[in-house]
PDB file of N, CA and C in Angstrom:
ATOM      1  N   MET A   1     -34.697 -45.671  21.388  1.00  0.00           N
ATOM      2  CA  MET A   1     -33.673 -45.021  22.605  1.00  0.00           C
ATOM      3  C   MET A   1     -34.733 -44.443  23.854  1.00  0.00           C
ATOM      4  N   LYS A   2     -34.750 -44.394  24.357  1.00  0.00           N
ATOM      5  CA  LYS A   2     -35.163 -43.511  25.866  1.00  0.00           C
ATOM      6  C   LYS A   2     -34.142 -42.177  26.458  1.00  0.00           C
ATOM      7  N   GLU A   3     -33.954 -41.331  26.493  1.00  0.00           N
ATOM      8  CA  GLU A   3     -32.648 -40.702  26.677  1.00  0.00           C
ATOM      9  C   GLU A   3     -33.542 -39.779  28.331  1.00  0.00           C
ATOM     10  N   ARG A   4     -32.452 -40.044  29.444  1.00  0.00           N
ATOM     11  CA  ARG A   4     -32.701 -39.716  29.987  1.00  0.00           C
ATOM     12  C   ARG A   4     -31.522 -38.744  31.007  1.00  0.00           C
ATOM     13  N   GLY A   5     -32.368 -38.421  31.928  1.00  0.00           N
ATOM     14  CA  GLY A   5     -31.639 -36.720  32.045  1.00  0.00           C
ATOM     15  C   GLY A   5     -31.448 -37.681  33.531  1.00  0.00           C
ATOM     16  N   MET A   6     -30.441 -36.272  34.322  1.00  0.00           N
ATOM     17  CA  MET A   6     -29.552 -36.059  35.571  1.00  0.00           C
ATOM     18  C   MET A   6     -31.022 -36.457  36.334  1.00  0.00           C
ATOM     19  N   SER A   7     -31.092 -37.493  37.885  1.00  0.00           N
ATOM     20  CA  SER A   7     -31.707 -37.376  39.046  1.00  0.00           C
ATOM     21  C   SER A   7     -31.274 -36.343  39.417  1.00  0.00           C
ATOM     22  N   LEU A   8     -32.030 -35.573  40.613  1.00  0.00           N
ATOM     23  CA  LEU A   8     -32.072 -34.651  41.674  1.00  0.00           C
ATOM     24  C   LEU A   8     -30.967 -34.808  42.262  1.00  0.00           C
ATOM     25  N   ILE A   9     -30.423 -36.414  42.713  1.00  0.00           N
ATOM     26  CA  ILE A   9     -29.184 -36.609  43.727  1.00  0.00           C
ATOM     27  C   ILE A   9     -28.330 -36.963  42.394  1.00  0.00           C
ATOM     28  N   GLU A  10     -28.114 -37.476  41.681  1.00  0.00           N
ATOM     29  CA  GLU A  10     -26.622 -36.814  40.702  1.00  0.00           C
ATOM     30  C   GLU A  10     -25.978 -35.999  40.780  1.00  0.00           C
ATOM     31  N   VAL A  11     -27.581 -34.345  40.625  1.00  0.00           N
ATOM     32  CA  VAL A  11     -27.231 -33.017  40.563  1.00  0.00           C
ATOM     33  C   VAL A  11     -26.243 -32.882  41.788  1.00  0.00           C
ATOM     34  N   LEU A  12     -27.064 -33.065  43.197  1.00  0.00           N
ATOM     35  CA  LEU A  12     -26.678 -31.939  44.463  1.00  0.00           C
ATOM     36  C   LEU A  12     -25.158 -33.250  44.891  1.00  0.00           C
ATOM     37  N   ILE A  13     -24.659 -34.159  44.017  1.00  0.00           N
ATOM     38  CA  ILE A  13     -23.349 -35.474  44.920  1.00  0.00           C
ATOM     39  C   ILE A  13     -22.953 -34.333  43.404  1.00  0.00           C
ATOM     40  N   ALA A  14     -23.231 -33.510  42.785  1.00  0.00           N
ATOM     41  CA  ALA A  14     -21.592 -32.829  41.468  1.00  0.00           C
ATOM     42  C   ALA A  14     -22.055 -31.729  42.162  1.00  0.00           C
ATOM     43  N   LEU A  15     -23.290 -30.741  43.228  1.00  0.00           N
ATOM     44  CA  LEU A  15     -22.343 -29.928  43.431  1.00  0.00           C
ATOM     45  C   LEU A  15     -22.363 -29.567  44.956  1.00  0.00           C
ATOM     46  N   ALA A  16     -22.194 -30.646  45.518  1.00  0.00           N
ATOM     47  CA  ALA A  16     -21.706 -30.805  47.000  1.00  0.00           C
ATOM     48  C   ALA A  16     -19.148 -31.107  46.390  1.00  0.00           C
ATOM     49  N   ILE A  17     -19.661 -32.114  45.740  1.00  0.00           N
ATOM     50  CA  ILE A  17     -17.730 -32.259  44.638  1.00  0.00           C
ATOM     51  C   ILE A  17     -17.130 -31.123  44.305  1.00  0.00           C
ATOM     52  N   VAL A  18     -18.421 -30.219  43.671  1.00  0.00           N
ATOM     53  CA  VAL A  18     -17.686 -28.892  43.232  1.00  0.00           C
ATOM     54  C   VAL A  18     -17.088 -27.988  44.163  1.00  0.00           C
ATOM     55  N   SER A  19     -18.535 -27.755  45.382  1.00  0.00           N
ATOM     56  CA  SER A  19     -18.185 -26.901  46.921  1.00  0.00           C
ATOM     57  C   SER A  19     -16.965 -27.446  47.627  1.00  0.00           C
ATOM     58  N   ILE A  20     -16.837 -28.627  47.254  1.00  0.00           N
ATOM     59  CA  ILE A  20     -15.286 -28.970  48.210  1.00  0.00           C
ATOM     60  C   ILE A  20     -14.204 -28.539  47.213  1.00  0.00           C
ATOM     61  N   ALA A  21     -13.959 -28.718  46.394  1.00  0.00           N
ATOM     62  CA  ALA A  21     -12.937 -28.124  45.532  1.00  0.00           C
ATOM     63  C   ALA A  21     -13.051 -26.950  45.464  1.00  0.00           C
ATOM     64  N   LEU A  22     -14.080 -25.815  45.544  1.00  0.00           N
ATOM     65  CA  LEU A  22     -13.722 -24.766  45.909  1.00  0.00           C
ATOM     66  C   LEU A  22     -12.657 -24.100  46.782  1.00  0.00           C
ATOM     67  N   THR A  23     -13.566 -24.786  48.263  1.00  0.00           N
ATOM     68  CA  THR A  23     -13.651 -24.451  49.241  1.00  0.00           C
ATOM     69  C   THR A  23     -11.529 -25.080  50.209  1.00  0.00           C
ATOM     70  N   ALA A  24     -11.430 -26.567  49.257  1.00  0.00           N
ATOM     71  CA  ALA A  24      -9.911 -26.615  49.342  1.00  0.00           C
ATOM     72  C   ALA A  24      -8.736 -24.953  48.076  1.00  0.00           C
ATOM     73  N   GLY A  25      -9.383 -25.262  46.993  1.00  0.00           N
ATOM     74  CA  GLY A  25      -9.069 -23.900  46.211  1.00  0.00           C
ATOM     75  C   GLY A  25      -8.555 -22.835  47.177  1.00  0.00           C
ATOM     76  N   LEU A  26      -9.953 -21.944  47.812  1.00  0.00           N
ATOM     77  CA  LEU A  26     -10.073 -20.786  48.996  1.00  0.00           C
ATOM     78  C   LEU A  26      -8.377 -21.183  49.921  1.00  0.00           C
ATOM     79  N   ARG A  27      -8.739 -21.997  50.998  1.00  0.00           N
ATOM     80  CA  ARG A  27      -8.046 -21.945  51.736  1.00  0.00           C
ATOM     81  C   ARG A  27      -6.557 -22.446  51.319  1.00  0.00           C
ATOM     82  N   ALA A  28      -6.097 -22.817  50.272  1.00  0.00           N
ATOM     83  CA  ALA A  28      -4.987 -22.913  49.084  1.00  0.00           C
ATOM     84  C   ALA A  28      -4.455 -21.443  49.000  1.00  0.00           C
ATOM     85  N   LEU A  29      -5.541 -21.063  48.879  1.00  0.00           N
ATOM     86  CA  LEU A  29      -4.596 -19.432  48.917  1.00  0.00           C
ATOM     87  C   LEU A  29      -4.978 -18.057  50.148  1.00  0.00           C
ATOM     88  N   GLY A  30      -5.869 -18.602  50.263  1.00  0.00           N
ATOM     89  CA  GLY A  30      -5.262 -17.997  51.638  1.00  0.00           C
ATOM     90  C   GLY A  30      -4.007 -18.249  52.738  1.00  0.00           C
ATOM     91  N   LEU A  31      -3.611 -19.699  52.398  1.00  0.00           N
ATOM     92  CA  LEU A  31      -2.157 -19.889  53.135  1.00  0.00           C
ATOM     93  C   LEU A  31      -1.346 -19.376  52.113  1.00  0.00           C
ATOM     94  N   SER A  32      -1.636 -19.448  50.865  1.00  0.00           N
ATOM     95  CA  SER A  32      -0.230 -18.850  49.972  1.00  0.00           C
ATOM     96  C   SER A  32      -0.087 -17.474  50.582  1.00  0.00           C
ATOM     97  N   ALA A  33      -1.408 -16.624  50.513  1.00  0.00           N
ATOM     98  CA  ALA A  33      -0.913 -15.087  50.463  1.00  0.00           C
ATOM     99  C   ALA A  33      -0.843 -14.891  51.569  1.00  0.00           C
ATOM    100  N   SER A  34      -0.878 -15.921  53.077  1.00  0.00           N
ATOM    101  CA  SER A  34      -0.014 -15.110  54.108  1.00  0.00           C
ATOM    102  C   SER A  34       1.081 -15.688  54.674  1.00  0.00           C
ATOM    103  N   GLY A  35       1.543 -16.898  53.773  1.00  0.00           N
ATOM    104  CA  GLY A  35       2.941 -17.138  53.901  1.00  0.00           C
ATOM    105  C   GLY A  35       3.773 -15.782  52.824  1.00  0.00           C
ATOM    106  N   SER A  36       3.505 -15.545  52.139  1.00  0.00           N
ATOM    107  CA  SER A  36       3.990 -14.567  51.443  1.00  0.00           C
ATOM    108  C   SER A  36       4.361 -13.429  51.658  1.00  0.00           C
ATOM    109  N   GLN A  37       3.388 -13.131  53.017  1.00  0.00           N
ATOM    110  CA  GLN A  37       3.033 -12.263  53.652  1.00  0.00           C
ATOM    111  C   GLN A  37       4.026 -11.954  55.120  1.00  0.00           C
ATOM    112  N   ALA A  38       4.051 -13.343  54.924  1.00  0.00           N
ATOM    113  CA  ALA A  38       5.605 -13.506  56.508  1.00  0.00           C
ATOM    114  C   ALA A  38       6.720 -13.697  55.593  1.00  0.00           C
ATOM    115  N   MET A  39       7.029 -13.934  54.840  1.00  0.00           N
ATOM    116  CA  MET A  39       8.585 -14.351  54.249  1.00  0.00           C
ATOM    117  C   MET A  39       8.535 -12.584  53.790  1.00  0.00           C
ATOM    118  N   HIS A  40       7.672 -11.957  53.998  1.00  0.00           N
ATOM    119  CA  HIS A  40       7.958 -10.518  53.310  1.00  0.00           C
ATOM    120  C   HIS A  40       8.598  -9.869  54.632  1.00  0.00           C
ATOM    121  N   GLU A  41       7.388 -10.290  55.326  1.00  0.00           N
ATOM    122  CA  GLU A  41       8.030  -9.568  57.492  1.00  0.00           C
ATOM    123  C   GLU A  41       9.739  -9.877  57.490  1.00  0.00           C
ATOM    124  N   ARG A  42       9.949 -11.419  56.801  1.00  0.00           N
ATOM    125  CA  ARG A  42      11.143 -12.430  57.198  1.00  0.00           C
ATOM    126  C   ARG A  42      12.176 -11.172  56.201  1.00  0.00           C
ATOM    127  N   SER A  43      12.059 -10.801  55.569  1.00  0.00           N
ATOM    128  CA  SER A  43      13.367 -10.351  54.420  1.00  0.00           C
ATOM    129  C   SER A  43      13.405  -9.309  54.804  1.00  0.00           C
ATOM    130  N   LEU A  44      12.299  -8.235  55.385  1.00  0.00           N
ATOM    131  CA  LEU A  44      12.064  -6.516  55.593  1.00  0.00           C
ATOM    132  C   LEU A  44      13.242  -6.519  57.141  1.00  0.00           C
ATOM    133  N   ALA A  45      13.260  -7.819  58.138  1.00  0.00           N
ATOM    134  CA  ALA A  45      13.862  -7.562  59.893  1.00  0.00           C
ATOM    135  C   ALA A  45      15.300  -8.687  58.634  1.00  0.00           C
ATOM    136  N   LEU A  46      15.739  -9.345  58.375  1.00  0.00           N
ATOM    137  CA  LEU A  46      16.727  -9.231  58.109  1.00  0.00           C
ATOM    138  C   LEU A  46      17.646  -7.872  57.450  1.00  0.00           C
ATOM    139  N   LEU A  47      16.904  -7.467  56.369  1.00  0.00           N
ATOM    140  CA  LEU A  47      17.506  -6.427  56.127  1.00  0.00           C
ATOM    141  C   LEU A  47      18.020  -5.371  56.969  1.00  0.00           C
ATOM    142  N   ALA A  48      16.715  -4.746  58.231  1.00  0.00           N
ATOM    143  CA  ALA A  48      17.107  -4.445  59.135  1.00  0.00           C
ATOM    144  C   ALA A  48      19.094  -4.719  60.498  1.00  0.00           C
ATOM    145  N   ALA A  49      18.346  -5.765  59.496  1.00  0.00           N
ATOM    146  CA  ALA A  49      19.529  -7.010  61.301  1.00  0.00           C
ATOM    147  C   ALA A  49      20.907  -6.642  60.345  1.00  0.00           C
ATOM    148  N   ASP A  50      21.019  -7.025  59.402  1.00  0.00           N
ATOM    149  CA  ASP A  50      22.377  -6.517  58.448  1.00  0.00           C
ATOM    150  C   ASP A  50      22.618  -5.279  58.604  1.00  0.00           C
ATOM    151  N   GLY A  51      21.369  -3.993  58.794  1.00  0.00           N
ATOM    152  CA  GLY A  51      21.195  -2.908  58.303  1.00  0.00           C
ATOM    153  C   GLY A  51      22.402  -2.087  59.843  1.00  0.00           C
ATOM    154  N   VAL A  52      21.722  -2.734  61.086  1.00  0.00           N
ATOM    155  CA  VAL A  52      22.340  -2.817  62.400  1.00  0.00           C
ATOM    156  C   VAL A  52      24.107  -3.565  62.006  1.00  0.00           C
ATOM    157  N   VAL A  53      24.237  -4.260  61.786  1.00  0.00           N
ATOM    158  CA  VAL A  53      25.366  -4.772  62.164  1.00  0.00           C
ATOM    159  C   VAL A  53      26.232  -3.681  60.855  1.00  0.00           C
ATOM    160  N   ALA A  54      25.844  -3.330  59.718  1.00  0.00           N
ATOM    161  CA  ALA A  54      26.852  -2.562  58.821  1.00  0.00           C
ATOM    162  C   ALA A  54      27.079  -1.132  59.071  1.00  0.00           C
ATOM    163  N   GLU A  55      26.217  -0.975  59.668  1.00  0.00           N
ATOM    164  CA  GLU A  55      26.032   0.457  60.688  1.00  0.00           C
ATOM    165  C   GLU A  55      27.434   0.611  61.443  1.00  0.00           C
ATOM    166  N   ILE A  56      27.635  -0.672  62.151  1.00  0.00           N
ATOM    167  CA  ILE A  56      28.800  -0.666  63.662  1.00  0.00           C
ATOM    168  C   ILE A  56      30.205  -1.525  62.589  1.00  0.00           C
ATOM    169  N   ARG A  57      29.942  -1.676  61.506  1.00  0.00           N
ATOM    170  CA  ARG A  57      31.337  -1.813  60.792  1.00  0.00           C
ATOM    171  C   ARG A  57      32.058  -0.818  60.558  1.00  0.00           C
ATOM    172  N   LEU A  58      30.828   0.201  59.682  1.00  0.00           N
ATOM    173  CA  LEU A  58      30.988   0.904  59.070  1.00  0.00           C
ATOM    174  C   LEU A  58      31.652   2.475  59.236  1.00  0.00           C
ATOM    175  N   ARG A  59      31.110   2.583  60.780  1.00  0.00           N
ATOM    176  CA  ARG A  59      31.736   3.714  61.795  1.00  0.00           C
ATOM    177  C   ARG A  59      32.467   3.072  62.380  1.00  0.00           C
ATOM    178  N   ARG A  60      32.752   1.541  62.065  1.00  0.00           N
ATOM    179  CA  ARG A  60      34.214   1.564  62.812  1.00  0.00           C
ATOM    180  C   ARG A  60      34.389   1.174  64.629  1.00  0.00           C
ATOM    181  N   LEU A  61      32.745   0.740  64.720  1.00  0.00           N
ATOM    182  CA  LEU A  61      32.715   1.166  66.449  1.00  0.00           C
ATOM    183  C   LEU A  61      33.143  -0.777  66.938  1.00  0.00           C
ATOM    184  N   PHE A  62      33.659   0.028  68.184  1.00  0.00           N
ATOM    185  CA  PHE A  62      33.932  -1.119  69.109  1.00  0.00           C
ATOM    186  C   PHE A  62      33.006  -1.488  70.034  1.00  0.00           C
ATOM    187  N   PRO A  63      31.814  -2.141  69.534  1.00  0.00           N
ATOM    188  CA  PRO A  63      30.695  -1.926  71.438  1.00  0.00           C
ATOM    189  C   PRO A  63      31.142  -3.163  72.433  1.00  0.00           C
ATOM    190  N   GLU A  64      30.649  -1.881  73.513  1.00  0.00           N
ATOM    191  CA  GLU A  64      31.246  -3.028  75.386  1.00  0.00           C
ATOM    192  C   GLU A  64      30.200  -4.314  74.883  1.00  0.00           C
ATOM    193  N   PRO A  65      30.222  -5.266  75.888  1.00  0.00           N
ATOM    194  CA  PRO A  65      29.485  -6.449  76.058  1.00  0.00           C
ATOM    195  C   PRO A  65      28.389  -5.544  76.547  1.00  0.00           C
ATOM    196  N   GLY A  66      27.496  -6.282  76.102  1.00  0.00           N
ATOM    197  CA  GLY A  66      25.717  -6.315  77.021  1.00  0.00           C
ATOM    198  C   GLY A  66      24.468  -6.595  75.769  1.00  0.00           C
ATOM    199  N   ASP A  67      23.374  -5.654  75.759  1.00  0.00           N
ATOM    200  CA  ASP A  67      22.063  -5.701  75.302  1.00  0.00           C
ATOM    201  C   ASP A  67      21.618  -4.189  74.775  1.00  0.00           C
ATOM    202  N   THR A  68      21.826  -4.300  74.404  1.00  0.00           N
ATOM    203  CA  THR A  68      20.805  -3.043  73.366  1.00  0.00           C
ATOM    204  C   THR A  68      19.643  -3.352  73.285  1.00  0.00           C
ATOM    205  N   VAL A  69      18.353  -2.426  72.109  1.00  0.00           N
ATOM    206  CA  VAL A  69      17.340  -2.423  71.729  1.00  0.00           C
ATOM    207  C   VAL A  69      17.013  -1.027  71.088  1.00  0.00           C
ATOM    208  N   VAL A  70      17.275  -1.177  70.098  1.00  0.00           N
ATOM    209  CA  VAL A  70      16.788   0.135  68.807  1.00  0.00           C
ATOM    210  C   VAL A  70      16.279   0.106  68.008  1.00  0.00           C
ATOM    211  N   PRO A  71      15.314   0.888  67.566  1.00  0.00           N
ATOM    212  CA  PRO A  71      14.123   0.732  66.912  1.00  0.00           C
ATOM    213  C   PRO A  71      14.853   0.470  65.234  1.00  0.00           C
ATOM    214  N   CYS A  72      14.750   0.018  64.808  1.00  0.00           N
ATOM    215  CA  CYS A  72      15.389  -0.215  62.809  1.00  0.00           C
ATOM    216  C   CYS A  72      14.134  -0.580  61.774  1.00  0.00           C
ATOM    217  N   PRO A  73      13.562   0.476  61.793  1.00  0.00           N
ATOM    218  CA  PRO A  73      12.085   0.631  61.005  1.00  0.00           C
ATOM    219  C   PRO A  73      12.933  -0.176  59.532  1.00  0.00           C
ATOM    220  N   GLN A  74      11.937  -0.311  58.711  1.00  0.00           N
ATOM    221  CA  GLN A  74      12.461  -1.155  57.478  1.00  0.00           C
ATOM    222  C   GLN A  74      11.230  -1.571  56.687  1.00  0.00           C
ATOM    223  N   GLY A  75      10.663  -0.937  55.307  1.00  0.00           N
ATOM    224  CA  GLY A  75       9.755  -1.179  55.052  1.00  0.00           C
ATOM    225  C   GLY A  75       8.336   0.512  55.548  1.00  0.00           C
ATOM    226  N   ASN A  76       7.399  -1.040  55.707  1.00  0.00           N
ATOM    227  CA  ASN A  76       6.170   0.246  56.310  1.00  0.00           C
ATOM    228  C   ASN A  76       6.099  -0.837  57.497  1.00  0.00           C
ATOM    229  N   LEU A  77       7.545  -1.867  58.064  1.00  0.00           N
ATOM    230  CA  LEU A  77       7.596  -2.400  59.440  1.00  0.00           C
ATOM    231  C   LEU A  77       8.178  -1.534  60.324  1.00  0.00           C
ATOM    232  N   ALA A  78       7.438  -1.184  61.788  1.00  0.00           N
ATOM    233  CA  ALA A  78       8.199  -0.867  62.961  1.00  0.00           C
ATOM    234  C   ALA A  78       8.855  -1.785  63.850  1.00  0.00           C
ATOM    235  N   LEU A  79      10.362  -2.113  63.313  1.00  0.00           N
ATOM    236  CA  LEU A  79      10.917  -2.938  64.308  1.00  0.00           C
ATOM    237  C   LEU A  79      11.860  -2.532  65.050  1.00  0.00           C
ATOM    238  N   GLN A  80      12.069  -2.975  65.955  1.00  0.00           N
ATOM    239  CA  GLN A  80      13.101  -2.948  67.002  1.00  0.00           C
ATOM    240  C   GLN A  80      14.177  -4.126  66.466  1.00  0.00           C
ATOM    241  N   CYS A  81      15.815  -3.563  67.296  1.00  0.00           N
ATOM    242  CA  CYS A  81      16.632  -4.695  66.986  1.00  0.00           C
ATOM    243  C   CYS A  81      17.224  -5.006  68.236  1.00  0.00           C
ATOM    244  N   ARG A  82      17.261  -5.646  68.906  1.00  0.00           N
ATOM    245  CA  ARG A  82      18.130  -6.885  70.139  1.00  0.00           C
ATOM    246  C   ARG A  82      19.604  -6.230  69.309  1.00  0.00           C
ATOM    247  N   GLN A  83      20.265  -5.928  69.978  1.00  0.00           N
ATOM    248  CA  GLN A  83      21.675  -6.382  69.943  1.00  0.00           C
ATOM    249  C   GLN A  83      22.453  -6.792  71.248  1.00  0.00           C
ATOM    250  N   THR A  84      22.999  -8.158  71.032  1.00  0.00           N
ATOM    251  CA  THR A  84      23.581  -8.417  72.507  1.00  0.00           C
ATOM    252  C   THR A  84      24.911  -8.789  71.947  1.00  0.00           C
ATOM    253  N   VAL A  85      26.046  -8.279  72.443  1.00  0.00           N
ATOM    254  CA  VAL A  85      27.407  -8.062  72.402  1.00  0.00           C
ATOM    255  C   VAL A  85      28.252  -9.120  73.649  1.00  0.00           C
ATOM    256  N   GLN A  86      28.958  -9.974  72.893  1.00  0.00           N
ATOM    257  CA  GLN A  86      29.277 -10.885  73.682  1.00  0.00           C
ATOM    258  C   GLN A  86      31.059 -10.219  73.358  1.00  0.00           C
ATOM    259  N   ALA A  87      32.372 -10.755  74.661  1.00  0.00           N
ATOM    260  CA  ALA A  87      33.468 -10.751  74.446  1.00  0.00           C
ATOM    261  C   ALA A  87      33.771 -12.088  74.703  1.00  0.00           C
ATOM    262  N   THR A  88      34.858 -12.107  73.081  1.00  0.00           N
ATOM    263  CA  THR A  88      35.161 -13.477  72.938  1.00  0.00           C
ATOM    264  C   THR A  88      37.011 -13.784  73.159  1.00  0.00           C
ATOM    265  N   ALA A  89      37.522 -14.478  73.248  1.00  0.00           N
ATOM    266  CA  ALA A  89      38.886 -15.328  74.087  1.00  0.00           C
ATOM    267  C   ALA A  89      39.913 -13.852  73.914  1.00  0.00           C
ATOM    268  N   ASN A  90      39.476 -13.333  72.341  1.00  0.00           N
ATOM    269  CA  ASN A  90      40.710 -12.528  72.155  1.00  0.00           C
ATOM    270  C   ASN A  90      39.752 -10.994  72.011  1.00  0.00           C
ATOM    271  N   ARG A  91      40.825 -10.465  72.680  1.00  0.00           N
ATOM    272  CA  ARG A  91      39.851  -9.126  73.495  1.00  0.00           C
ATOM    273  C   ARG A  91      40.095  -7.528  72.298  1.00  0.00           C
ATOM    274  N   PHE A  92      40.153  -8.112  71.362  1.00  0.00           N
ATOM    275  CA  PHE A  92      40.135  -7.756  70.541  1.00  0.00           C
ATOM    276  C   PHE A  92      38.918  -7.479  69.260  1.00  0.00           C
ATOM    277  N   PHE A  93      38.645  -9.164  69.300  1.00  0.00           N
ATOM    278  CA  PHE A  93      36.720  -9.093  68.773  1.00  0.00           C
ATOM    279  C   PHE A  93      35.820  -9.369  69.685  1.00  0.00           C
ATOM    280  N   ARG A  94      34.567  -8.903  69.118  1.00  0.00           N
ATOM    281  CA  ARG A  94      33.222  -9.558  69.909  1.00  0.00           C
ATOM    282  C   ARG A  94      32.669 -10.232  69.271  1.00  0.00           C
ATOM    283  N   GLN A  95      31.548 -10.006  70.157  1.00  0.00           N
ATOM    284  CA  GLN A  95      30.750 -11.177  68.732  1.00  0.00           C
ATOM    285  C   GLN A  95      28.998 -10.769  69.029  1.00  0.00           C
ATOM    286  N   VAL A  96      28.724 -10.076  68.058  1.00  0.00           N
ATOM    287  CA  VAL A  96      27.475  -9.191  67.968  1.00  0.00           C
ATOM    288  C   VAL A  96      26.136 -10.494  67.191  1.00  0.00           C
ATOM    289  N   THR A  97      25.494 -10.473  68.241  1.00  0.00           N
ATOM    290  CA  THR A  97      23.704 -11.241  67.467  1.00  0.00           C
ATOM    291  C   THR A  97      23.143  -9.821  67.331  1.00  0.00           C
ATOM    292  N   VAL A  98      22.317 -10.069  66.371  1.00  0.00           N
ATOM    293  CA  VAL A  98      20.826  -8.651  66.520  1.00  0.00           C
ATOM    294  C   VAL A  98      20.426  -9.106  66.151  1.00  0.00           C
ATOM    295  N   GLN A  99      19.053  -9.052  66.699  1.00  0.00           N
ATOM    296  CA  GLN A  99      17.797  -9.951  66.387  1.00  0.00           C
ATOM    297  C   GLN A  99      17.092  -9.146  66.172  1.00  0.00           C
ATOM    298  N   ALA A 100      16.061  -9.021  64.742  1.00  0.00           N
ATOM    299  CA  ALA A 100      14.979  -8.046  65.007  1.00  0.00           C
ATOM    300  C   ALA A 100      13.891  -8.255  65.258  1.00  0.00           C
ATOM    301  N   PHE A 101      12.510  -7.679  65.477  1.00  0.00           N
ATOM    302  CA  PHE A 101      11.480  -8.538  65.805  1.00  0.00           C
ATOM    303  C   PHE A 101      10.129  -6.905  65.654  1.00  0.00           C
ATOM    304  N   VAL A 102       8.404  -7.082  65.901  1.00  0.00           N
ATOM    305  CA  VAL A 102       8.164  -6.142  66.013  1.00  0.00           C
ATOM    306  C   VAL A 102       7.527  -6.038  66.701  1.00  0.00           C
ATOM    307  N   PRO A 103       7.839  -5.346  67.644  1.00  0.00           N
ATOM    308  CA  PRO A 103       6.994  -5.038  69.229  1.00  0.00           C
ATOM    309  C   PRO A 103       6.447  -5.959  69.774  1.00  0.00           C
ATOM    310  N   LYS A 104       6.697  -6.474  71.312  1.00  0.00           N
ATOM    311  CA  LYS A 104       5.617  -7.348  71.580  1.00  0.00           C
ATOM    312  C   LYS A 104       5.302  -9.031  70.331  1.00  0.00           C
ATOM    313  N   GLY A 105       6.275  -9.718  69.235  1.00  0.00           N
ATOM    314  CA  GLY A 105       5.654  -9.672  68.490  1.00  0.00           C
ATOM    315  C   GLY A 105       6.614 -11.168  68.718  1.00  0.00           C
ATOM    316  N   PRO A 106       7.087 -11.765  67.842  1.00  0.00           N
ATOM    317  CA  PRO A 106       8.441 -12.749  67.585  1.00  0.00           C
ATOM    318  C   PRO A 106       9.287 -12.494  67.411  1.00  0.00           C
ATOM    319  N   VAL A 107      10.221 -13.086  67.290  1.00  0.00           N
ATOM    320  CA  VAL A 107      12.071 -12.619  66.639  1.00  0.00           C
ATOM    321  C   VAL A 107      11.513 -13.185  65.216  1.00  0.00           C
ATOM    322  N   LEU A 108      12.201 -12.435  63.841  1.00  0.00           N
ATOM    323  CA  LEU A 108      11.797 -11.978  62.853  1.00  0.00           C
ATOM    324  C   LEU A 108      12.785 -12.684  62.142  1.00  0.00           C
ATOM    325  N   ALA A 109      14.450 -12.604  62.454  1.00  0.00           N
ATOM    326  CA  ALA A 109      15.307 -12.369  61.690  1.00  0.00           C
ATOM    327  C   ALA A 109      16.334 -12.205  63.224  1.00  0.00           C
ATOM    328  N   GLU A 110      17.189 -13.147  62.914  1.00  0.00           N
ATOM    329  CA  GLU A 110      18.834 -13.221  63.728  1.00  0.00           C
ATOM    330  C   GLU A 110      19.963 -13.027  62.463  1.00  0.00           C
ATOM    331  N   LEU A 111      20.662 -11.898  62.804  1.00  0.00           N
ATOM    332  CA  LEU A 111      21.974 -11.996  61.985  1.00  0.00           C
ATOM    333  C   LEU A 111      22.934 -12.162  63.324  1.00  0.00           C
ATOM    334  N   HIS A 112      24.825 -13.391  63.023  1.00  0.00           N
ATOM    335  CA  HIS A 112      25.419 -12.808  63.934  1.00  0.00           C
ATOM    336  C   HIS A 112      26.575 -12.602  63.323  1.00  0.00           C
ATOM    337  N   ALA A 113      27.243 -11.897  63.494  1.00  0.00           N
ATOM    338  CA  ALA A 113      28.871 -11.712  63.037  1.00  0.00           C
ATOM    339  C   ALA A 113      30.045 -11.262  64.181  1.00  0.00           C
ATOM    340  N   THR A 114      30.794 -11.419  63.434  1.00  0.00           N
ATOM    341  CA  THR A 114      32.048 -11.135  64.364  1.00  0.00           C
ATOM    342  C   THR A 114      32.396  -9.543  64.211  1.00  0.00           C
ATOM    343  N   VAL A 115      32.814  -8.713  65.796  1.00  0.00           N
ATOM    344  CA  VAL A 115      33.654  -7.234  64.929  1.00  0.00           C
ATOM    345  C   VAL A 115      35.287  -7.216  65.202  1.00  0.00           C
ATOM    346  N   ALA A 116      36.048  -6.467  64.454  1.00  0.00           N
ATOM    347  CA  ALA A 116      37.371  -6.364  65.150  1.00  0.00           C
ATOM    348  C   ALA A 116      37.515  -5.442  65.927  1.00  0.00           C
ATOM    349  N   SER A 117      38.110  -5.027  66.810  1.00  0.00           N
ATOM    350  CA  SER A 117      39.239  -3.467  67.217  1.00  0.00           C
ATOM    351  C   SER A 117      39.942  -2.901  65.708  1.00  0.00           C
ATOM    352  N   LEU A 118      39.869  -2.536  65.162  1.00  0.00           N
ATOM    353  CA  LEU A 118      40.830  -1.915  64.697  1.00  0.00           C
ATOM    354  C   LEU A 118      41.472  -0.474  64.476  1.00  0.00           C
ATOM    355  N   PRO A 119      42.880  -0.667  64.633  1.00  0.00           N
ATOM    356  CA  PRO A 119      44.173   0.234  64.852  1.00  0.00           C
ATOM    357  C   PRO A 119      43.616   1.410  64.325  1.00  0.00           C
TER     358      PRO A 119
END
């Protein structure tokens, strides 16, 4: 019985299939890494926004309506927090919205809270 080896075309087709599979795998790995980094940044931004709201509550502040932007760094991110305060129908409550973002970047986290004027 005559044994026959693989032809050059069969080898090239096998190499093409392997290279396509490896390229797809590398792309998936790259997307996973960038998605993980984005999730990390959003988590840090949410912690920063929560810290701003916690500070308002712990210091028993009753902020005036308006917008302010303050630095709120978290981890290795130089975040800024935009605090928007709105009056409510009840004069003893304020609606506070805190948005955390990297300067000149998109909003990474937004947190809404209601604070009360304590006697």
